[in-house]
């Protein structure tokens, strides 16, 4: 996994270099990574199906690009990694990550939720969807005004459902959750996506999805009341 950084402006970039992580490398060809800006630092989250774990590396803004990196294990063991995740940062410094495992027993967690505290402590994995749901493509959205977290995903690769929880007392519903984007005629609605920013009463929650078989895009909204 490589990192590059901007130089004097966004038109000029450094030569890429291997992420100087303490562990978690190399990865498989289909593993993925994402970067997020935090308070005075950046974070890089990535999956590693070779080691069955997800990792997070932190770099302080005042350190040289290749120095000062620290590495954390977000979740590990028992096929804890796949190649799907989505993450959002809350104003209180907590990082919310919805991710996917590679587990295979019907009752195992397939789509999970992780929360990183500002001190670098990772929560246990909360179950969003089990293997029995064939859930995939998680999306997390934060409503900080009402202290709510929304997690969207595609059960059975055919529609978009969601679950919600209090940010400070995490408890996700059992079962599939609440349907958001469904169709009786199109049965492969998948790949939900949404804004990177926290949602507000002005924005509401907007989720887009797509159907590869129908060659169509879908969307729906959830209102957020003041």
Foldseek 3Di string as FASTA:
>chain_A
DWDKDADPDPVHIDDIDPQPEPDDDDADPLKDKDKDDFVQKIKIWIFHQVQLFIKMKIAGPPDDPNDDIYIDTQDGDDQNADRAKEWAADPQGKIKMWHAGPHDDQAAAGIWIWIAHNVGDIDPTHHQHGVVQVKDQKDWAAAVVQQKIKIWIDGPQFFIAIWMARNVDDDTDPDNHGGFGHDPVGGRWGNKDFDRDHDYQVRFTKIKTAGPVVRDIDIGGHHDDD
